[in-house]
């Protein structure tokens, strides 16, 4: 797969790589771009293209190495919503897989919500302060962050479980960071499997549309591929990172082919309905623009936590 000037493009339920169209004339705007660089990625093409632009308006390759300037990463984020409907999105940023605040238009956010009109491009400048030990930075885009899938609607749930990722190495530290290794409560080598799944029972992968605060659920991390896979996993409630039961914000899980590891998790207490999702990021600290798998992020189906 070619990677020159490549960013992620999503075609309604199918994620592929694509080219990004951009026009960076202001700090934040919705503009009238109607055609992408690559044929087909244009107005009404049923695609979502997104990526980072540097100070020279050039596309930053997904999976490449970012070099901080005065301990900051400053890029323009661009998303082309080339679908026929207006849609809300939210952006979060992870530093070594831990959610951090970032700046948009001089204001600090942990979660930055934005709206994209049908067949329009949205752009805004972002600034991230990095530490000496920052090795990986991830920009994660959530589709329709305020939409609750309380009913068992499989097509909608499949669409909304998809996370739109941009993952990068950071030049100031190439050393791999240590992440707590999670010990599973149980392992399965037969039966249904999925990369990341949340359910009420550990033996079954049964979709969980809603559950009450404080209830126990099970997180499954599986490997449907033919080679061993390594994941860092995080949990989000209302798009804010929450700890696992051992108070770790990030957990590392190594999974053999055909294996599924299961972990018990107590849902956080909430005061109002809250979207809950667990995200698995493969090959942590091994991001490379030459390895498409290392730039992915896999989301579980969302569950709505009830007070």
Foldseek 3Di string as FASTA:
>chain_A
DDFVQKFWKDQQLRIDIDHDDDDDDDQKDKDQFADGPDPLPGAQSSMKTKAWADPVRGGDTFLEEDEDDVQKDKTKIKIFQRHQAKWKKKKWKAFLHATDWKDWPRDIDRIGIDIHGHRIMIMHMIMDGHDLAGFKMKIKMFTRLPDAPLDPDPSVLSRRQFIRMGMHTYPSDLDDDDFAADDFPDKDLDDDFDQKAKAADPVDRDHAAEDEAFDKIKIKGAAQDQAKWKKKKFKAKSHHTDAFPVRGRIYIYIYGHSMMGMHMGTHHHDPAKIKMKMKIQIPPSPRHSVDPSNGGIGIYRIYIYGD
